[in-house]
PDB file of N, CA and C in Angstrom:
ATOM      1  N   MET A   1       5.583 -28.454 -52.541  1.00  0.00           N
ATOM      2  CA  MET A   1       5.903 -28.129 -51.178  1.00  0.00           C
ATOM      3  C   MET A   1       5.840 -26.609 -51.052  1.00  0.00           C
ATOM      4  N   ALA A   2       5.156 -26.155 -50.036  1.00  0.00           N
ATOM      5  CA  ALA A   2       4.978 -24.715 -49.836  1.00  0.00           C
ATOM      6  C   ALA A   2       6.068 -24.195 -48.921  1.00  0.00           C
ATOM      7  N   GLU A   3       6.556 -23.048 -49.282  1.00  0.00           N
ATOM      8  CA  GLU A   3       7.565 -22.402 -48.447  1.00  0.00           C
ATOM      9  C   GLU A   3       6.883 -21.427 -47.507  1.00  0.00           C
ATOM     10  N   SER A   4       7.326 -21.431 -46.286  1.00  0.00           N
ATOM     11  CA  SER A   4       6.781 -20.465 -45.343  1.00  0.00           C
ATOM     12  C   SER A   4       7.892 -19.537 -44.911  1.00  0.00           C
ATOM     13  N   SER A   5       7.557 -18.306 -44.881  1.00  0.00           N
ATOM     14  CA  SER A   5       8.555 -17.335 -44.434  1.00  0.00           C
ATOM     15  C   SER A   5       7.956 -16.552 -43.278  1.00  0.00           C
ATOM     16  N   SER A   6       8.763 -16.352 -42.329  1.00  0.00           N
ATOM     17  CA  SER A   6       8.305 -15.547 -41.202  1.00  0.00           C
ATOM     18  C   SER A   6       9.318 -14.456 -40.965  1.00  0.00           C
ATOM     19  N   SER A   7       8.786 -13.334 -40.694  1.00  0.00           N
ATOM     20  CA  SER A   7       9.683 -12.222 -40.383  1.00  0.00           C
ATOM     21  C   SER A   7       9.179 -11.570 -39.119  1.00  0.00           C
ATOM     22  N   SER A   8      10.081 -11.176 -38.311  1.00  0.00           N
ATOM     23  CA  SER A   8       9.695 -10.481 -37.088  1.00  0.00           C
ATOM     24  C   SER A   8      10.442  -9.159 -37.045  1.00  0.00           C
ATOM     25  N   THR A   9       9.715  -8.173 -36.650  1.00  0.00           N
ATOM     26  CA  THR A   9      10.329  -6.863 -36.498  1.00  0.00           C
ATOM     27  C   THR A   9      10.209  -6.444 -35.051  1.00  0.00           C
ATOM     28  N   ALA A  10      11.237  -5.899 -34.569  1.00  0.00           N
ATOM     29  CA  ALA A  10      11.233  -5.398 -33.194  1.00  0.00           C
ATOM     30  C   ALA A  10      11.342  -3.889 -33.248  1.00  0.00           C
ATOM     31  N   SER A  11      10.416  -3.266 -32.601  1.00  0.00           N
ATOM     32  CA  SER A  11      10.500  -1.815 -32.528  1.00  0.00           C
ATOM     33  C   SER A  11      10.842  -1.441 -31.096  1.00  0.00           C
ATOM     34  N   GLY A  12      11.599  -0.483 -30.954  1.00  0.00           N
ATOM     35  CA  GLY A  12      12.004  -0.044 -29.632  1.00  0.00           C
ATOM     36  C   GLY A  12      13.016   1.069 -29.787  1.00  0.00           C
ATOM     37  N   GLY A  13      13.467   1.512 -28.709  1.00  0.00           N
ATOM     38  CA  GLY A  13      14.446   2.572 -28.762  1.00  0.00           C
ATOM     39  C   GLY A  13      14.477   3.306 -27.447  1.00  0.00           C
ATOM     40  N   THR A  14      15.174   4.363 -27.475  1.00  0.00           N
ATOM     41  CA  THR A  14      15.332   5.152 -26.274  1.00  0.00           C
ATOM     42  C   THR A  14      14.343   6.307 -26.307  1.00  0.00           C
ATOM     43  N   SER A  15      13.736   6.546 -25.175  1.00  0.00           N
ATOM     44  CA  SER A  15      12.774   7.637 -25.097  1.00  0.00           C
ATOM     45  C   SER A  15      13.508   8.972 -24.992  1.00  0.00           C
ATOM     46  N   ILE A  16      12.751  10.013 -25.189  1.00  0.00           N
ATOM     47  CA  ILE A  16      13.320  11.358 -25.054  1.00  0.00           C
ATOM     48  C   ILE A  16      13.784  11.587 -23.623  1.00  0.00           C
ATOM     49  N   ALA A  17      12.993  11.082 -22.669  1.00  0.00           N
ATOM     50  CA  ALA A  17      13.389  11.238 -21.267  1.00  0.00           C
ATOM     51  C   ALA A  17      14.690  10.498 -20.985  1.00  0.00           C
ATOM     52  N   GLY A  18      14.849   9.311 -21.566  1.00  0.00           N
ATOM     53  CA  GLY A  18      16.086   8.558 -21.376  1.00  0.00           C
ATOM     54  C   GLY A  18      17.296   9.284 -21.953  1.00  0.00           C
ATOM     55  N   LEU A  19      17.132   9.826 -23.155  1.00  0.00           N
ATOM     56  CA  LEU A  19      18.223  10.589 -23.765  1.00  0.00           C
ATOM     57  C   LEU A  19      18.556  11.834 -22.951  1.00  0.00           C
ATOM     58  N   LEU A  20      17.518  12.491 -22.480  1.00  0.00           N
ATOM     59  CA  LEU A  20      17.719  13.685 -21.668  1.00  0.00           C
ATOM     60  C   LEU A  20      18.442  13.334 -20.370  1.00  0.00           C
ATOM     61  N   GLY A  21      18.061  12.207 -19.774  1.00  0.00           N
ATOM     62  CA  GLY A  21      18.719  11.764 -18.544  1.00  0.00           C
ATOM     63  C   GLY A  21      20.193  11.471 -18.758  1.00  0.00           C
ATOM     64  N   VAL A  22      20.507  10.780 -19.843  1.00  0.00           N
ATOM     65  CA  VAL A  22      21.917  10.487 -20.147  1.00  0.00           C
ATOM     66  C   VAL A  22      22.684  11.779 -20.386  1.00  0.00           C
ATOM     67  N   ALA A  23      22.070  12.713 -21.100  1.00  0.00           N
ATOM     68  CA  ALA A  23      22.728  14.001 -21.348  1.00  0.00           C
ATOM     69  C   ALA A  23      22.993  14.735 -20.038  1.00  0.00           C
ATOM     70  N   PHE A  24      22.004  14.729 -19.124  1.00  0.00           N
ATOM     71  CA  PHE A  24      22.197  15.396 -17.838  1.00  0.00           C
ATOM     72  C   PHE A  24      23.312  14.745 -17.034  1.00  0.00           C
ATOM     73  N   VAL A  25      23.386  13.416 -17.050  1.00  0.00           N
ATOM     74  CA  VAL A  25      24.445  12.721 -16.310  1.00  0.00           C
ATOM     75  C   VAL A  25      25.806  13.094 -16.873  1.00  0.00           C
ATOM     76  N   VAL A  26      25.927  13.112 -18.193  1.00  0.00           N
ATOM     77  CA  VAL A  26      27.212  13.485 -18.820  1.00  0.00           C
ATOM     78  C   VAL A  26      27.576  14.920 -18.462  1.00  0.00           C
ATOM     79  N   LEU A  27      26.609  15.818 -18.535  1.00  0.00           N
ATOM     80  CA  LEU A  27      26.881  17.213 -18.192  1.00  0.00           C
ATOM     81  C   LEU A  27      27.275  17.366 -16.720  1.00  0.00           C
ATOM     82  N   LYS A  28      26.655  16.591 -15.850  1.00  0.00           N
ATOM     83  CA  LYS A  28      26.999  16.638 -14.423  1.00  0.00           C
ATOM     84  C   LYS A  28      28.412  16.110 -14.191  1.00  0.00           C
ATOM     85  N   LEU A  29      28.739  14.976 -14.827  1.00  0.00           N
ATOM     86  CA  LEU A  29      30.059  14.382 -14.625  1.00  0.00           C
ATOM     87  C   LEU A  29      31.185  15.238 -15.207  1.00  0.00           C
ATOM     88  N   THR A  30      30.884  15.991 -16.253  1.00  0.00           N
ATOM     89  CA  THR A  30      31.908  16.862 -16.837  1.00  0.00           C
ATOM     90  C   THR A  30      31.967  18.227 -16.164  1.00  0.00           C
ATOM     91  N   GLY A  31      31.071  18.479 -15.203  1.00  0.00           N
ATOM     92  CA  GLY A  31      31.104  19.727 -14.458  1.00  0.00           C
ATOM     93  C   GLY A  31      30.424  20.893 -15.140  1.00  0.00           C
ATOM     94  N   VAL A  32      29.707  20.644 -16.219  1.00  0.00           N
ATOM     95  CA  VAL A  32      29.028  21.726 -16.928  1.00  0.00           C
ATOM     96  C   VAL A  32      27.841  22.234 -16.113  1.00  0.00           C
ATOM     97  N   ILE A  33      27.132  21.333 -15.445  1.00  0.00           N
ATOM     98  CA  ILE A  33      26.028  21.727 -14.587  1.00  0.00           C
ATOM     99  C   ILE A  33      26.341  21.326 -13.150  1.00  0.00           C
ATOM    100  N   THR A  34      25.823  22.076 -12.222  1.00  0.00           N
ATOM    101  CA  THR A  34      26.083  21.798 -10.801  1.00  0.00           C
ATOM    102  C   THR A  34      24.796  21.462 -10.057  1.00  0.00           C
ATOM    103  N   TRP A  35      23.859  20.865 -10.780  1.00  0.00           N
ATOM    104  CA  TRP A  35      22.582  20.511 -10.184  1.00  0.00           C
ATOM    105  C   TRP A  35      22.748  19.372  -9.193  1.00  0.00           C
ATOM    106  N   SER A  36      21.757  19.220  -8.330  1.00  0.00           N
ATOM    107  CA  SER A  36      21.699  18.068  -7.440  1.00  0.00           C
ATOM    108  C   SER A  36      21.489  16.810  -8.272  1.00  0.00           C
ATOM    109  N   TRP A  37      21.991  15.681  -7.775  1.00  0.00           N
ATOM    110  CA  TRP A  37      21.808  14.416  -8.484  1.00  0.00           C
ATOM    111  C   TRP A  37      20.337  14.049  -8.598  1.00  0.00           C
ATOM    112  N   TRP A  38      19.509  14.527  -7.663  1.00  0.00           N
ATOM    113  CA  TRP A  38      18.072  14.268  -7.760  1.00  0.00           C
ATOM    114  C   TRP A  38      17.511  14.854  -9.058  1.00  0.00           C
ATOM    115  N   TRP A  39      17.918  16.084  -9.395  1.00  0.00           N
ATOM    116  CA  TRP A  39      17.424  16.716 -10.615  1.00  0.00           C
ATOM    117  C   TRP A  39      18.066  16.124 -11.851  1.00  0.00           C
ATOM    118  N   VAL A  40      19.314  15.721 -11.737  1.00  0.00           N
ATOM    119  CA  VAL A  40      20.012  15.128 -12.880  1.00  0.00           C
ATOM    120  C   VAL A  40      19.347  13.813 -13.284  1.00  0.00           C
ATOM    121  N   THR A  41      18.956  13.018 -12.298  1.00  0.00           N
ATOM    122  CA  THR A  41      18.349  11.717 -12.594  1.00  0.00           C
ATOM    123  C   THR A  41      16.825  11.778 -12.707  1.00  0.00           C
ATOM    124  N   ALA A  42      16.240  12.943 -12.572  1.00  0.00           N
ATOM    125  CA  ALA A  42      14.781  13.083 -12.631  1.00  0.00           C
ATOM    126  C   ALA A  42      14.153  12.533 -13.918  1.00  0.00           C
ATOM    127  N   PRO A  43      14.773  12.671 -15.079  1.00  0.00           N
ATOM    128  CA  PRO A  43      14.143  12.076 -16.272  1.00  0.00           C
ATOM    129  C   PRO A  43      13.983  10.559 -16.187  1.00  0.00           C
ATOM    130  N   PHE A  44      14.783   9.887 -15.382  1.00  0.00           N
ATOM    131  CA  PHE A  44      14.683   8.434 -15.254  1.00  0.00           C
ATOM    132  C   PHE A  44      13.528   8.022 -14.348  1.00  0.00           C
ATOM    133  N   TRP A  45      13.293   8.744 -13.264  1.00  0.00           N
ATOM    134  CA  TRP A  45      12.280   8.352 -12.298  1.00  0.00           C
ATOM    135  C   TRP A  45      11.097   9.316 -12.225  1.00  0.00           C
ATOM    136  N   GLY A  46      11.139  10.404 -12.933  1.00  0.00           N
ATOM    137  CA  GLY A  46      10.094  11.423 -12.844  1.00  0.00           C
ATOM    138  C   GLY A  46       8.720  10.950 -13.285  1.00  0.00           C
ATOM    139  N   GLY A  47       8.671  10.175 -14.358  1.00  0.00           N
ATOM    140  CA  GLY A  47       7.377   9.674 -14.835  1.00  0.00           C
ATOM    141  C   GLY A  47       6.709   8.765 -13.813  1.00  0.00           C
ATOM    142  N   LEU A  48       7.494   7.871 -13.235  1.00  0.00           N
ATOM    143  CA  LEU A  48       6.965   6.971 -12.213  1.00  0.00           C
ATOM    144  C   LEU A  48       6.494   7.756 -10.990  1.00  0.00           C
ATOM    145  N   ALA A  49       7.267   8.750 -10.593  1.00  0.00           N
ATOM    146  CA  ALA A  49       6.883   9.571  -9.437  1.00  0.00           C
ATOM    147  C   ALA A  49       5.577  10.315  -9.716  1.00  0.00           C
ATOM    148  N   LEU A  50       5.413  10.787 -10.930  1.00  0.00           N
ATOM    149  CA  LEU A  50       4.187  11.489 -11.300  1.00  0.00           C
ATOM    150  C   LEU A  50       2.981  10.555 -11.227  1.00  0.00           C
ATOM    151  N   VAL A  51       3.121   9.365 -11.783  1.00  0.00           N
ATOM    152  CA  VAL A  51       2.015   8.401 -11.762  1.00  0.00           C
ATOM    153  C   VAL A  51       1.677   7.994 -10.330  1.00  0.00           C
ATOM    154  N   LEU A  52       2.696   7.703  -9.525  1.00  0.00           N
ATOM    155  CA  LEU A  52       2.456   7.327  -8.135  1.00  0.00           C
ATOM    156  C   LEU A  52       1.816   8.475  -7.347  1.00  0.00           C
ATOM    157  N   GLY A  53       2.226   9.701  -7.639  1.00  0.00           N
ATOM    158  CA  GLY A  53       1.627  10.858  -6.985  1.00  0.00           C
ATOM    159  C   GLY A  53       0.158  11.013  -7.337  1.00  0.00           C
ATOM    160  N   ILE A  54      -0.180  10.801  -8.596  1.00  0.00           N
ATOM    161  CA  ILE A  54      -1.578  10.908  -9.015  1.00  0.00           C
ATOM    162  C   ILE A  54      -2.411   9.819  -8.340  1.00  0.00           C
ATOM    163  N   PHE A  55      -1.878   8.578  -8.306  1.00  0.00           N
ATOM    164  CA  PHE A  55      -2.600   7.501  -7.623  1.00  0.00           C
ATOM    165  C   PHE A  55      -2.726   7.789  -6.128  1.00  0.00           C
ATOM    166  N   GLY A  56      -1.696   8.343  -5.520  1.00  0.00           N
ATOM    167  CA  GLY A  56      -1.744   8.671  -4.095  1.00  0.00           C
ATOM    168  C   GLY A  56      -2.798   9.721  -3.790  1.00  0.00           C
ATOM    169  N   ILE A  57      -2.849  10.755  -4.607  1.00  0.00           N
ATOM    170  CA  ILE A  57      -3.858  11.800  -4.407  1.00  0.00           C
ATOM    171  C   ILE A  57      -5.253  11.222  -4.616  1.00  0.00           C
ATOM    172  N   GLY A  58      -5.403  10.368  -5.621  1.00  0.00           N
ATOM    173  CA  GLY A  58      -6.693   9.718  -5.845  1.00  0.00           C
ATOM    174  C   GLY A  58      -7.110   8.868  -4.658  1.00  0.00           C
ATOM    175  N   ALA A  59      -6.158   8.137  -4.090  1.00  0.00           N
ATOM    176  CA  ALA A  59      -6.468   7.303  -2.918  1.00  0.00           C
ATOM    177  C   ALA A  59      -6.876   8.163  -1.728  1.00  0.00           C
ATOM    178  N   LEU A  60      -6.215   9.301  -1.538  1.00  0.00           N
ATOM    179  CA  LEU A  60      -6.587  10.202  -0.447  1.00  0.00           C
ATOM    180  C   LEU A  60      -7.994  10.762  -0.636  1.00  0.00           C
ATOM    181  N   VAL A  61      -8.314  11.135  -1.859  1.00  0.00           N
ATOM    182  CA  VAL A  61      -9.647  11.679  -2.133  1.00  0.00           C
ATOM    183  C   VAL A  61     -10.704  10.602  -1.895  1.00  0.00           C
ATOM    184  N   ILE A  62     -10.464   9.394  -2.402  1.00  0.00           N
ATOM    185  CA  ILE A  62     -11.423   8.304  -2.198  1.00  0.00           C
ATOM    186  C   ILE A  62     -11.561   7.992  -0.712  1.00  0.00           C
ATOM    187  N   GLY A  63     -10.456   7.974   0.013  1.00  0.00           N
ATOM    188  CA  GLY A  63     -10.513   7.729   1.458  1.00  0.00           C
ATOM    189  C   GLY A  63     -11.272   8.804   2.201  1.00  0.00           C
ATOM    190  N   ALA A  64     -11.069  10.054   1.804  1.00  0.00           N
ATOM    191  CA  ALA A  64     -11.785  11.152   2.463  1.00  0.00           C
ATOM    192  C   ALA A  64     -13.281  11.068   2.192  1.00  0.00           C
ATOM    193  N   VAL A  65     -13.650  10.777   0.968  1.00  0.00           N
ATOM    194  CA  VAL A  65     -15.070  10.649   0.632  1.00  0.00           C
ATOM    195  C   VAL A  65     -15.681   9.479   1.395  1.00  0.00           C
ATOM    196  N   ALA A  66     -14.986   8.354   1.448  1.00  0.00           N
ATOM    197  CA  ALA A  66     -15.500   7.192   2.180  1.00  0.00           C
ATOM    198  C   ALA A  66     -15.641   7.513   3.665  1.00  0.00           C
ATOM    199  N   GLY A  67     -14.710   8.264   4.220  1.00  0.00           N
ATOM    200  CA  GLY A  67     -14.798   8.656   5.623  1.00  0.00           C
ATOM    201  C   GLY A  67     -15.983   9.545   5.904  1.00  0.00           C
ATOM    202  N   VAL A  68     -16.227  10.508   5.026  1.00  0.00           N
ATOM    203  CA  VAL A  68     -17.367  11.404   5.203  1.00  0.00           C
ATOM    204  C   VAL A  68     -18.671  10.623   5.082  1.00  0.00           C
ATOM    205  N   VAL A  69     -18.745   9.714   4.117  1.00  0.00           N
ATOM    206  CA  VAL A  69     -19.954   8.904   3.953  1.00  0.00           C
ATOM    207  C   VAL A  69     -20.181   8.055   5.200  1.00  0.00           C
ATOM    208  N   ALA A  70     -19.131   7.456   5.745  1.00  0.00           N
ATOM    209  CA  ALA A  70     -19.268   6.640   6.951  1.00  0.00           C
ATOM    210  C   ALA A  70     -19.741   7.481   8.135  1.00  0.00           C
ATOM    211  N   LEU A  71     -19.206   8.685   8.281  1.00  0.00           N
ATOM    212  CA  LEU A  71     -19.651   9.567   9.365  1.00  0.00           C
ATOM    213  C   LEU A  71     -21.119   9.940   9.220  1.00  0.00           C
ATOM    214  N   LEU A  72     -21.535  10.245   8.008  1.00  0.00           N
ATOM    215  CA  LEU A  72     -22.937  10.609   7.790  1.00  0.00           C
ATOM    216  C   LEU A  72     -23.866   9.427   8.059  1.00  0.00           C
ATOM    217  N   GLU A  73     -23.468   8.236   7.622  1.00  0.00           N
ATOM    218  CA  GLU A  73     -24.294   7.057   7.887  1.00  0.00           C
ATOM    219  C   GLU A  73     -24.377   6.780   9.384  1.00  0.00           C
ATOM    220  N   ASN A  74     -23.265   6.925  10.084  1.00  0.00           N
ATOM    221  CA  ASN A  74     -23.248   6.712  11.529  1.00  0.00           C
ATOM    222  C   ASN A  74     -24.159   7.720  12.227  1.00  0.00           C
ATOM    223  N   ARG A  75     -24.131   8.942  11.769  1.00  0.00           N
ATOM    224  CA  ARG A  75     -24.977   9.985  12.357  1.00  0.00           C
ATOM    225  C   ARG A  75     -26.452   9.670  12.132  1.00  0.00           C
ATOM    226  N   GLN A  76     -26.782   9.216  10.916  1.00  0.00           N
ATOM    227  CA  GLN A  76     -28.174   8.870  10.624  1.00  0.00           C
ATOM    228  C   GLN A  76     -28.629   7.692  11.483  1.00  0.00           C
ATOM    229  N   LEU A  77     -27.765   6.700  11.690  1.00  0.00           N
ATOM    230  CA  LEU A  77     -28.115   5.562  12.538  1.00  0.00           C
ATOM    231  C   LEU A  77     -28.371   6.001  13.976  1.00  0.00           C
ATOM    232  N   ARG A  78     -27.533   6.900  14.487  1.00  0.00           N
ATOM    233  CA  ARG A  78     -27.734   7.386  15.854  1.00  0.00           C
ATOM    234  C   ARG A  78     -29.048   8.142  15.981  1.00  0.00           C
ATOM    235  N   ILE A  79     -29.385   8.936  14.970  1.00  0.00           N
ATOM    236  CA  ILE A  79     -30.640   9.688  14.995  1.00  0.00           C
ATOM    237  C   ILE A  79     -31.823   8.720  14.953  1.00  0.00           C
ATOM    238  N   ARG A  80     -31.754   7.689  14.092  1.00  0.00           N
ATOM    239  CA  ARG A  80     -32.835   6.702  14.016  1.00  0.00           C
ATOM    240  C   ARG A  80     -33.014   5.967  15.334  1.00  0.00           C
ATOM    241  N   ASN A  81     -31.911   5.538  15.941  1.00  0.00           N
ATOM    242  CA  ASN A  81     -31.984   4.841  17.221  1.00  0.00           C
ATOM    243  C   ASN A  81     -32.562   5.736  18.303  1.00  0.00           C
ATOM    244  N   LYS A  82     -32.178   6.971  18.297  1.00  0.00           N
ATOM    245  CA  LYS A  82     -32.694   7.926  19.290  1.00  0.00           C
ATOM    246  C   LYS A  82     -34.199   8.094  19.128  1.00  0.00           C
ATOM    247  N   ASN A  83     -34.655   8.218  17.855  1.00  0.00           N
ATOM    248  CA  ASN A  83     -36.082   8.371  17.591  1.00  0.00           C
ATOM    249  C   ASN A  83     -36.852   7.106  17.971  1.00  0.00           C
ATOM    250  N   ARG A  84     -36.292   5.935  17.735  1.00  0.00           N
ATOM    251  CA  ARG A  84     -36.942   4.679  18.105  1.00  0.00           C
ATOM    252  C   ARG A  84     -37.115   4.568  19.608  1.00  0.00           C
ATOM    253  N   LYS A  85     -36.087   4.964  20.337  1.00  0.00           N
ATOM    254  CA  LYS A  85     -36.156   4.899  21.803  1.00  0.00           C
ATOM    255  C   LYS A  85     -37.230   5.870  22.313  1.00  0.00           C
ATOM    256  N   ARG A  86     -37.299   7.028  21.696  1.00  0.00           N
ATOM    257  CA  ARG A  86     -38.259   8.034  22.122  1.00  0.00           C
ATOM    258  C   ARG A  86     -39.695   7.583  21.802  1.00  0.00           C
ATOM    259  N   LEU A  87     -39.879   6.960  20.629  1.00  0.00           N
ATOM    260  CA  LEU A  87     -41.215   6.541  20.220  1.00  0.00           C
ATOM    261  C   LEU A  87     -41.633   5.207  20.863  1.00  0.00           C
ATOM    262  N   GLY A  88     -40.699   4.344  21.100  1.00  0.00           N
ATOM    263  CA  GLY A  88     -41.041   2.995  21.552  1.00  0.00           C
ATOM    264  C   GLY A  88     -40.837   2.821  22.972  1.00  0.00           C
TER     265      GLY A  88
END
């Protein structure tokens, strides 16, 4: 009879940002720092805000490029129609 052994390891832990956030909260609650709560909690939500900001800027750039392309295509269509009317 064969014995089977299985082992599972879980890796995880607290990130540097998480530790920094906890430290800032403790310092705020003890009165050592007088920062706004927005800055105290920034290590918790800052990464997400950065990613969302990058995606937002990317969406604006893509939208602006698509708008310019649409305007140029519309202009070319108007010029073609005008030339067709003049020639035909």
